[in-house]
């Protein structure tokens, strides 16, 4: 059955006039989407476009470019194989399932349209449901919101309560809302939340919906991070979009059992990473789109107030775009004052990397492991990874390092790393690196299965493609029949 849901435009939120986007169920009337303005690229901050809708089954899409004549169209990720037609002004195509796409006109990656065709929401709360507090647009004080939850705490008998932010623009007076345990935050489609959510020392929290979280300064309201999850357990994030945070979109510190699904983020500031994970375990990230001006997803050991190993982390079905730095990063920070940390059992699977652009050689690597601070990084799988463009940088960077900016001590080692069905089709890039630090702190066990670079199946170490130093051993290459 074909189903389709579009959302109203939030008031007081800037729109963008580069495109008109219409969607429909096949054979039915067109519906027009609101076009959000999103900022991209720290090197030269500029506006791009973003639109979204929900559907199931099939949907027709029609895009009109309002700023130039269409000579060519690129729809990424290429692996989605979206076939489109265009007549100089309009683009049309059909979708047969949820997608996260970049539509680029005449090769322009910065004035592009980000189109998110979400799955339909499942079990969304009703604004008049039991334990649901309907919050109308306006300026809110955190104590007032907490009082609403407290007022029905006894009646709910431990069942989750929901703060339902209705369509429109919401401002938090304190800029930060501390979410209590057992709370659902629901941002309805068409809702814009100007502020930040903090989950500190809590359990069983859900932050979900189709609304957007703004960190920019609107009418003196601004915040630092999108969602901060520290010393917490069982936190879920689903469906929301974070725009222009000064710092991370999602920050996870010394927490466990965290799930992030169908999450989207854009950033343009220094250190405005997408999702950063420190001293945490049991983290599942799936179906996300990250366009960031620093690392899209980074996994560390100890840092700041957070101590301990990081393990059992998975990232699946993701689309990553690093205007600056690494799409995927592991290892830099750890507890160098003791014996370091272990970062282990990491899985990256079915990921499209649309861009890696980093002018500084020390931070190259679309797929990067830099073990510093006495950290040991081991048991990492990269499976079915497709890298489309490297503007500046290299495909992978495996190094035991002592980065003078962050590491008082070098790392301990890198062990048991597997690259399976990794391919790069974006032309010339810098050679990748596999470097140990010294005889005691090396790289041991790197397996490449079906590595393909610019159409060539790599079956052995070639210095023009991969550089291996004397402190790396057991590096192997295998080509299987079906790639």
Protein backbone atom coordinates (compact mmCIF):
# COMPACT_ATOMS: atom_id res chain seq x y z
CA UNK A 1 0.00 0.00 0.00
CA UNK A 2 1.30 3.46 -0.91
CA UNK A 3 1.23 5.99 1.94
CA UNK A 4 2.74 9.47 2.06
CA UNK A 5 3.05 12.13 4.79
CA UNK A 6 4.25 15.72 4.35
CA UNK A 7 4.66 18.35 7.07
CA UNK A 8 3.87 22.03 7.44
CA UNK A 9 6.55 24.71 7.54
CA UNK A 10 7.60 25.91 11.02
CA UNK A 11 7.12 29.63 11.54
CA UNK A 12 10.13 31.93 12.05
CA UNK A 13 12.52 29.41 10.52
CA UNK A 14 14.43 30.41 7.37
CA UNK A 15 13.41 28.68 4.17
CA UNK A 16 15.35 28.38 0.94
CA UNK A 17 14.22 29.35 -2.55
CA UNK A 18 16.66 27.44 -4.79
CA UNK A 19 14.25 24.56 -5.41
CA UNK A 20 10.61 23.66 -5.46
CA UNK A 21 9.98 20.04 -4.46
CA UNK A 22 6.73 18.15 -4.97
CA UNK A 23 5.89 14.58 -4.04
CA UNK A 24 2.87 12.35 -4.56
CA UNK A 25 1.57 8.87 -4.41
CA UNK A 26 1.50 7.59 -8.00
CA UNK A 27 -1.57 8.89 -9.81
CA UNK A 28 -2.62 11.30 -7.04
CA UNK A 29 -2.25 15.08 -6.55
CA UNK A 30 1.15 16.66 -5.96
CA UNK A 31 2.05 17.99 -2.49
CA UNK A 32 4.70 20.68 -2.00
CA UNK A 33 7.49 20.32 0.58
CA UNK A 34 8.91 23.09 2.73
CA UNK A 35 12.58 23.73 1.87
CA UNK A 36 14.78 24.29 4.92
CA UNK A 37 18.00 26.26 4.66
CA UNK A 38 21.00 24.32 5.97
CA UNK A 39 24.55 25.62 6.23
CA UNK A 40 27.47 23.54 4.93
CA UNK A 41 31.28 23.63 4.64
CA UNK A 42 33.47 25.33 7.25
CA UNK A 43 35.99 26.41 4.57
CA UNK A 44 33.40 28.71 3.04
CA UNK A 45 30.13 28.63 4.92
CA UNK A 46 27.22 28.79 2.50
CA UNK A 47 23.54 27.84 2.37
CA UNK A 48 22.20 24.63 0.86
CA UNK A 49 18.69 23.14 0.85
CA UNK A 50 16.98 20.32 2.73
CA UNK A 51 13.50 18.81 2.47
CA UNK A 52 11.86 15.67 3.83
CA UNK A 53 8.72 13.59 3.83
CA UNK A 54 7.62 10.12 4.98
CA UNK A 55 6.30 7.34 2.81
CA UNK A 56 5.75 3.66 2.26
CA UNK A 57 5.53 1.87 -1.06
CA UNK A 58 6.17 4.15 -4.05
CA UNK A 59 6.46 7.92 -4.39
CA UNK A 60 6.93 10.25 -7.34
CA UNK A 61 9.29 13.22 -6.89
CA UNK A 62 9.43 16.37 -9.02
CA UNK A 63 12.14 18.99 -8.38
CA UNK A 64 12.23 22.37 -10.09
CA UNK A 65 15.56 24.20 -10.00
CA UNK A 66 14.82 27.91 -9.56
CA UNK A 67 18.31 29.40 -9.81
CA UNK A 68 19.81 27.99 -13.01
CA UNK A 69 19.15 25.88 -16.07
CA UNK A 70 19.83 22.19 -15.52
CA UNK A 71 22.60 20.82 -17.73
CA UNK A 72 23.43 17.78 -15.61
CA UNK A 73 22.16 16.05 -12.49
CA UNK A 74 24.02 13.86 -10.01
CA UNK A 75 22.07 11.95 -7.38
CA UNK A 76 24.15 10.49 -4.57
CA UNK A 77 24.75 7.96 -3.18
CA UNK A 78 25.49 6.40 -6.55
CA UNK A 79 24.82 2.96 -5.09
CA UNK A 80 21.13 3.87 -4.77
CA UNK A 81 20.94 3.95 -8.59
CA UNK A 82 18.15 6.53 -8.71
CA UNK A 83 17.28 7.07 -12.37
CA UNK A 84 16.01 10.55 -13.12
CA UNK A 85 14.86 12.55 -16.12
CA UNK A 86 15.29 16.31 -16.57
CA UNK A 87 14.21 18.84 -19.18
CA UNK A 88 16.41 21.82 -18.31
CA UNK A 89 14.27 23.03 -15.41
CA UNK A 90 12.62 20.02 -13.77
CA UNK A 91 13.93 16.71 -12.46
CA UNK A 92 11.64 13.75 -11.94
CA UNK A 93 12.17 10.30 -10.50
CA UNK A 94 10.41 7.53 -8.60
CA UNK A 95 11.34 6.13 -5.20
CA UNK A 96 10.53 2.58 -4.16
CA UNK A 97 11.61 2.91 -0.54
CA UNK A 98 13.12 5.33 1.99
CA UNK A 99 16.27 7.11 0.83
CA UNK A 100 18.66 9.84 1.96
CA UNK A 101 19.84 11.62 -1.17
CA UNK A 102 21.92 14.54 -2.39
CA UNK A 103 20.72 16.11 -5.65
CA UNK A 104 23.48 18.14 -7.26
CA UNK A 105 22.85 20.42 -10.24
CA UNK A 106 25.62 21.03 -12.78
CA UNK A 107 28.23 19.55 -10.45
CA UNK A 108 27.58 21.98 -7.57
CA UNK A 109 27.98 20.08 -4.28
CA UNK A 110 27.37 23.12 -2.10
CA UNK A 111 24.14 24.52 -3.49
CA UNK A 112 22.63 21.06 -3.54
CA UNK A 113 19.32 19.71 -2.30
CA UNK A 114 19.40 17.16 0.54
CA UNK A 115 16.23 15.10 0.21
CA UNK A 116 15.25 12.73 3.01
CA UNK A 117 12.49 10.28 2.18
CA UNK A 118 11.86 8.85 5.65
CA UNK A 119 10.00 5.69 6.54
CA UNK A 120 6.59 6.25 8.08
CA UNK A 121 6.61 6.80 11.82
CA UNK A 122 5.71 3.80 13.96
CA UNK A 123 3.61 4.22 17.11
CA UNK A 124 3.93 7.99 17.20
CA UNK A 125 2.32 9.49 20.31
CA UNK A 126 -1.01 11.28 20.01
CA UNK A 127 -1.19 14.83 21.35
CA UNK A 128 -4.26 13.84 23.40
CA UNK A 129 -2.88 10.50 24.58
CA UNK A 130 -2.48 9.35 28.16
CA UNK A 131 0.56 10.89 29.80
CA UNK A 132 1.10 13.26 26.86
CA UNK A 133 1.67 16.96 27.56
CA UNK A 134 0.98 19.06 24.46
CA UNK A 135 3.42 21.97 24.20
CA UNK A 136 2.36 24.80 21.92
CA UNK A 137 4.96 26.97 20.12
CA UNK A 138 6.54 29.79 22.10
CA UNK A 139 9.19 30.47 24.73
CA UNK A 140 9.39 27.78 27.43
CA UNK A 141 11.12 27.63 30.79
CA UNK A 142 12.71 24.35 31.78
CA UNK A 143 11.21 24.39 35.32
CA UNK A 144 7.73 24.72 33.84
CA UNK A 145 8.25 21.73 31.55
CA UNK A 146 9.61 19.66 34.42
CA UNK A 147 6.63 20.66 36.57
CA UNK A 148 4.28 19.26 33.93
CA UNK A 149 6.01 15.90 34.15
CA UNK A 150 6.03 16.00 37.95
CA UNK A 151 2.34 16.80 38.11
CA UNK A 152 1.31 13.43 36.69
CA UNK A 153 4.21 11.30 37.92
CA UNK A 154 2.14 9.44 40.50
CA UNK A 155 -0.81 8.82 38.17
CA UNK A 156 1.46 7.34 35.48
CA UNK A 157 2.83 4.76 37.96
CA UNK A 158 6.26 4.65 36.34
CA UNK A 159 5.00 4.64 32.74
CA UNK A 160 6.77 7.00 30.30
CA UNK A 161 5.48 10.54 29.99
CA UNK A 162 5.70 12.52 26.77
CA UNK A 163 6.41 16.17 26.06
CA UNK A 164 4.77 16.66 22.66
CA UNK A 165 6.18 19.75 20.90
CA UNK A 166 3.53 20.76 18.38
CA UNK A 167 4.32 22.17 14.90
CA UNK A 168 5.82 25.65 15.17
CA UNK A 169 8.92 27.17 16.75
CA UNK A 170 9.88 26.46 20.36
CA UNK A 171 12.51 28.35 22.34
CA UNK A 172 14.03 27.20 25.63
CA UNK A 173 14.72 30.17 27.92
CA UNK A 174 17.75 28.43 29.46
CA UNK A 175 18.81 27.16 25.97
CA UNK A 176 19.22 23.66 27.49
CA UNK A 177 16.55 21.23 28.66
CA UNK A 178 17.63 18.47 31.07
CA UNK A 179 15.49 15.44 30.21
CA UNK A 180 14.43 13.31 33.21
CA UNK A 181 14.48 9.51 33.24
CA UNK A 182 11.49 7.77 31.73
CA UNK A 183 10.58 10.66 29.42
CA UNK A 184 9.69 10.76 25.74
CA UNK A 185 10.51 13.97 23.89
CA UNK A 186 8.45 14.14 20.72
CA UNK A 187 9.15 16.79 18.07
CA UNK A 188 6.25 16.68 15.63
CA UNK A 189 6.88 17.20 11.94
CA UNK A 190 6.90 20.96 11.40
CA UNK A 191 8.26 21.63 14.91
CA UNK A 192 11.52 23.53 15.36
CA UNK A 193 13.21 23.31 18.77
CA UNK A 194 15.75 26.08 19.36
CA UNK A 195 17.92 24.70 22.12
CA UNK A 196 19.66 21.56 23.33
CA UNK A 197 18.63 18.34 25.05
CA UNK A 198 20.79 16.98 27.89
CA UNK A 199 20.51 13.42 29.20
CA UNK A 200 22.77 13.26 32.26
CA UNK A 201 22.62 10.40 34.71
CA UNK A 202 19.29 9.20 33.33
CA UNK A 203 17.72 6.03 32.00
CA UNK A 204 14.99 5.15 29.52
CA UNK A 205 14.77 8.37 27.52
CA UNK A 206 13.44 8.67 23.96
CA UNK A 207 13.94 11.72 21.71
CA UNK A 208 12.06 11.25 18.48
CA UNK A 209 9.81 12.69 15.78
CA UNK A 210 10.25 14.56 12.52
CA UNK A 211 11.08 17.96 13.98
CA UNK A 212 14.36 19.84 13.76
CA UNK A 213 16.73 21.05 16.48
CA UNK A 214 18.37 24.41 15.81
CA UNK A 215 21.53 25.47 17.60
CA UNK A 216 21.84 28.80 15.78
CA UNK A 217 21.18 32.14 17.47
CA UNK A 218 17.51 32.97 16.91
CA UNK A 219 16.36 35.95 18.97
CA UNK A 220 19.20 35.50 21.53
CA UNK A 221 18.51 31.76 21.95
CA UNK A 222 21.43 29.49 21.13
CA UNK A 223 22.95 26.31 22.50
CA UNK A 224 26.18 24.34 22.27
CA UNK A 225 25.28 20.75 21.30
CA UNK A 226 22.25 19.04 19.83
CA UNK A 227 21.89 16.13 22.26
CA UNK A 228 24.27 15.42 25.15
CA UNK A 229 24.12 11.91 26.62
CA UNK A 230 26.44 11.35 29.59
CA UNK A 231 26.50 8.79 32.42
CA UNK A 232 23.22 7.43 31.07
CA UNK A 233 21.65 4.18 29.87
CA UNK A 234 18.95 3.19 27.41
CA UNK A 235 18.58 6.41 25.42
CA UNK A 236 16.99 6.40 21.96
CA UNK A 237 17.14 9.08 19.27
CA UNK A 238 15.00 8.62 16.17
CA UNK A 239 13.96 10.69 13.18
CA UNK A 240 15.05 14.21 14.18
CA UNK A 241 17.47 16.59 12.43
CA UNK A 242 20.12 18.76 14.12
CA UNK A 243 21.25 21.95 12.36
CA UNK A 244 24.37 24.08 12.84
CA UNK A 245 25.65 23.15 16.31
CA UNK A 246 28.74 25.02 17.57
CA UNK A 247 29.92 21.65 18.91
CA UNK A 248 28.79 18.03 18.45
CA UNK A 249 25.37 17.11 17.09
CA UNK A 250 25.25 14.13 19.49
CA UNK A 251 27.75 13.70 22.31
CA UNK A 252 27.92 10.34 24.15
CA UNK A 253 30.12 10.09 27.25
CA UNK A 254 30.48 7.08 29.59
CA UNK A 255 27.06 5.72 28.63
CA UNK A 256 25.66 2.39 27.50
CA UNK A 257 22.82 0.96 25.43
CA UNK A 258 22.30 3.96 23.16
CA UNK A 259 20.47 3.71 19.81
CA UNK A 260 20.41 6.39 17.11
CA UNK A 261 18.19 5.77 14.09
CA UNK A 262 17.16 7.86 11.06
CA UNK A 263 19.09 10.84 12.41
CA UNK A 264 20.28 13.75 10.24
CA UNK A 265 22.79 16.48 11.03
CA UNK A 266 24.53 19.49 9.41
CA UNK A 267 27.38 21.57 10.85
CA UNK A 268 29.87 24.25 9.79
CA UNK A 269 31.96 25.12 12.88
CA UNK A 270 35.36 23.97 14.09
CA UNK A 271 34.88 20.86 16.29
CA UNK A 272 31.28 20.55 15.13
CA UNK A 273 31.52 16.76 14.83
CA UNK A 274 28.45 14.70 14.10
CA UNK A 275 28.30 11.86 16.67
CA UNK A 276 31.21 11.51 19.11
CA UNK A 277 31.47 8.56 21.49
CA UNK A 278 33.76 8.48 24.56
CA UNK A 279 34.21 5.61 27.02
CA UNK A 280 30.89 4.00 26.07
CA UNK A 281 29.56 0.62 25.02
CA UNK A 282 26.56 -0.94 23.36
CA UNK A 283 26.04 1.89 20.85
CA UNK A 284 23.96 1.23 17.72
CA UNK A 285 23.84 3.85 14.95
CA UNK A 286 21.71 3.07 11.90
CA UNK A 287 20.26 4.87 8.91
CA UNK A 288 21.84 8.27 9.52
CA UNK A 289 22.88 11.13 7.24
CA UNK A 290 25.72 13.29 8.53
CA UNK A 291 27.20 16.32 6.74
CA UNK A 292 29.73 17.83 9.11
CA UNK A 293 32.66 20.19 9.18
CA UNK A 294 34.62 17.84 11.41
CA UNK A 295 34.50 14.08 12.00
CA UNK A 296 31.10 12.63 11.13
CA UNK A 297 31.36 9.75 13.63
CA UNK A 298 34.27 9.44 16.07
CA UNK A 299 34.96 6.75 18.70
CA UNK A 300 37.40 7.51 21.53
CA UNK A 301 38.44 6.17 24.92
CA UNK A 302 38.76 8.45 27.94
CA UNK A 303 38.45 12.21 27.57
CA UNK A 304 37.45 15.10 29.82
CA UNK A 305 35.22 13.71 32.62
CA UNK A 306 34.69 10.34 30.97
CA UNK A 307 36.86 7.30 31.70
CA UNK A 308 37.01 3.75 30.44
CA UNK A 309 37.09 1.58 27.35
CA UNK A 310 34.79 1.83 24.34
CA UNK A 311 33.45 -1.37 22.80
CA UNK A 312 30.58 -3.07 21.00
CA UNK A 313 29.68 -0.19 18.70
CA UNK A 314 28.04 -0.50 15.28
CA UNK A 315 27.32 1.96 12.47
CA UNK A 316 25.13 0.60 9.66
CA UNK A 317 23.26 1.87 6.61
CA UNK A 318 24.71 5.38 6.85
CA UNK A 319 25.47 8.24 4.45
CA UNK A 320 28.42 10.39 5.56
CA UNK A 321 29.79 13.63 4.13
CA UNK A 322 32.82 15.25 5.75
CA UNK A 323 33.31 18.76 4.41
CA UNK A 324 36.29 18.74 6.80
CA UNK A 325 38.17 15.87 8.52
CA UNK A 326 37.17 12.18 8.74
CA UNK A 327 33.88 10.53 7.92
CA UNK A 328 34.85 7.67 10.29
CA UNK A 329 37.44 8.08 13.05
CA UNK A 330 38.68 5.85 15.89
CA UNK A 331 41.17 6.22 18.65
CA UNK A 332 42.75 9.61 19.31
CA UNK A 333 41.88 10.10 23.00
CA UNK A 334 42.50 7.80 25.97
CA UNK A 335 43.70 7.63 29.57
CA UNK A 336 47.41 8.13 28.89
CA UNK A 337 48.16 8.63 32.61
CA UNK A 338 47.35 4.98 33.29
CA UNK A 339 47.65 2.15 30.82
CA UNK A 340 45.44 3.62 28.12
CA UNK A 341 42.06 2.30 26.98
CA UNK A 342 40.90 -0.53 24.76
CA UNK A 343 38.62 0.37 21.86
CA UNK A 344 37.29 -2.85 20.38
CA UNK A 345 34.53 -4.73 18.59
CA UNK A 346 33.55 -1.99 16.15
CA UNK A 347 31.43 -2.71 13.04
CA UNK A 348 30.90 -0.35 10.10
CA UNK A 349 28.58 -1.85 7.50
CA UNK A 350 26.81 -0.68 4.35
CA UNK A 351 28.04 2.91 4.37
CA UNK A 352 28.24 5.49 1.59
CA UNK A 353 30.83 8.23 2.03
CA UNK A 354 30.06 11.12 -0.29
CA UNK A 355 33.06 13.32 0.52
CA UNK A 356 36.34 13.44 2.45
CA UNK A 357 38.10 16.82 2.41
CA UNK A 358 40.96 17.60 4.78
CA UNK A 359 43.84 20.00 4.00
CA UNK A 360 45.99 18.86 6.98
CA UNK A 361 47.97 15.68 6.30
CA UNK A 362 47.81 14.54 9.93
CA UNK A 363 44.02 14.27 9.70
CA UNK A 364 43.66 12.45 6.38
CA UNK A 365 41.66 9.27 6.05
CA UNK A 366 38.07 8.63 5.07
CA UNK A 367 38.42 5.50 7.22
CA UNK A 368 40.81 6.37 10.02
CA UNK A 369 42.27 4.68 13.08
CA UNK A 370 44.82 6.82 14.94
CA UNK A 371 45.75 5.03 18.18
CA UNK A 372 47.22 7.54 20.65
CA UNK A 373 47.26 8.00 24.44
CA UNK A 374 48.35 4.36 25.01
CA UNK A 375 45.12 3.13 23.41
CA UNK A 376 44.82 -0.32 21.91
CA UNK A 377 42.37 -0.50 18.99
CA UNK A 378 41.35 -3.98 17.89
CA UNK A 379 38.66 -6.04 16.19
CA UNK A 380 37.30 -3.51 13.71
CA UNK A 381 35.30 -4.50 10.62
CA UNK A 382 34.69 -2.23 7.62
CA UNK A 383 32.19 -4.04 5.40
CA UNK A 384 30.51 -2.85 2.19
CA UNK A 385 31.88 0.69 2.29
CA UNK A 386 31.62 2.88 -0.82
CA UNK A 387 33.65 6.11 -0.99
CA UNK A 388 32.61 8.43 -3.82
CA UNK A 389 34.84 11.51 -3.52
CA UNK A 390 38.10 12.49 -1.87
CA UNK A 391 38.75 16.16 -2.48
CA UNK A 392 41.84 16.13 -0.24
CA UNK A 393 43.00 13.14 1.77
CA UNK A 394 43.29 9.37 1.51
CA UNK A 395 41.06 6.31 1.61
CA UNK A 396 42.27 4.86 4.93
CA UNK A 397 44.79 5.81 7.60
CA UNK A 398 45.85 3.19 10.17
CA UNK A 399 48.54 4.61 12.44
CA UNK A 400 49.81 4.23 15.98
CA UNK A 401 50.59 7.86 16.71
CA UNK A 402 51.61 10.50 19.20
CA UNK A 403 49.76 13.56 17.92
CA UNK A 404 51.50 16.56 19.50
CA UNK A 405 48.19 18.42 19.78
CA UNK A 406 46.34 15.69 21.69
CA UNK A 407 48.61 12.81 22.78
CA UNK A 408 51.21 13.05 25.56
CA UNK A 409 51.91 9.35 24.87
CA UNK A 410 51.78 7.23 21.70
CA UNK A 411 49.22 4.47 21.32
CA UNK A 412 49.85 0.85 22.27
CA UNK A 413 48.79 -0.78 19.00
CA UNK A 414 46.26 -1.63 16.31
CA UNK A 415 45.19 -5.26 15.86
CA UNK A 416 42.82 -7.37 13.77
CA UNK A 417 41.35 -4.91 11.30
CA UNK A 418 39.27 -6.19 8.35
CA UNK A 419 38.26 -4.33 5.21
CA UNK A 420 35.67 -6.33 3.25
CA UNK A 421 34.18 -5.02 -0.01
CA UNK A 422 35.57 -1.50 0.32
CA UNK A 423 35.66 0.47 -2.90
CA UNK A 424 36.73 3.95 -3.94
CA UNK A 425 35.75 5.40 -7.31
CA UNK A 426 36.67 9.08 -6.94
CA UNK A 427 39.91 9.44 -8.87
CA UNK A 428 43.37 10.21 -7.55
CA UNK A 429 43.88 10.45 -3.79
CA UNK A 430 46.88 10.41 -1.48
CA UNK A 431 48.29 6.92 -0.75
CA UNK A 432 46.75 5.24 2.27
CA UNK A 433 48.94 4.46 5.30
CA UNK A 434 49.48 1.51 7.63
CA UNK A 435 52.10 2.68 10.15
CA UNK A 436 53.17 1.31 13.49
CA UNK A 437 54.96 3.63 15.91
CA UNK A 438 57.96 1.46 16.82
CA UNK A 439 58.81 -2.22 17.39
CA UNK A 440 56.77 -2.45 20.60
CA UNK A 441 53.84 -0.33 19.40
CA UNK A 442 52.85 -1.59 16.00
CA UNK A 443 50.06 -2.66 13.68
CA UNK A 444 49.40 -6.41 13.52
CA UNK A 445 46.79 -8.08 11.33
CA UNK A 446 45.12 -6.05 8.59
CA UNK A 447 43.06 -8.07 6.11
CA UNK A 448 41.73 -6.68 2.83
CA UNK A 449 39.04 -8.73 1.10
CA UNK A 450 37.93 -7.35 -2.28
CA UNK A 451 39.55 -3.93 -1.98
CA UNK A 452 38.81 -1.95 -5.14
CA UNK A 453 40.31 1.44 -6.03
CA UNK A 454 39.18 3.23 -9.18
CA UNK A 455 38.01 0.00 -10.78
CA UNK A 456 41.16 -1.95 -9.92
CA UNK A 457 41.06 -4.93 -7.59
CA UNK A 458 44.03 -4.55 -5.27
CA UNK A 459 45.70 -7.90 -4.56
CA UNK A 460 48.94 -6.74 -2.96
CA UNK A 461 50.68 -3.80 -1.36
CA UNK A 462 51.50 -1.07 -3.87
CA UNK A 463 53.32 2.00 -2.64
CA UNK A 464 51.39 4.23 -5.05
CA UNK A 465 48.16 3.16 -3.32
CA UNK A 466 49.11 1.90 0.15
CA UNK A 467 52.22 2.65 2.21
CA UNK A 468 53.21 0.17 4.95
CA UNK A 469 56.10 0.88 7.31
CA UNK A 470 58.43 -1.54 9.09
CA UNK A 471 56.28 -1.62 12.24
CA UNK A 472 53.21 -3.10 10.52
CA UNK A 473 52.93 -6.84 9.94
CA UNK A 474 50.50 -9.47 8.69
CA UNK A 475 48.89 -7.25 6.06
CA UNK A 476 47.06 -9.50 3.58
CA UNK A 477 44.98 -9.09 0.41
CA UNK A 478 42.35 -11.47 -0.95
CA UNK A 479 40.24 -11.21 -4.11
CA UNK A 480 37.08 -13.31 -4.11
CA UNK A 481 35.12 -14.31 -7.16
CA UNK A 482 32.09 -12.07 -6.63
CA UNK A 483 32.81 -8.44 -5.75
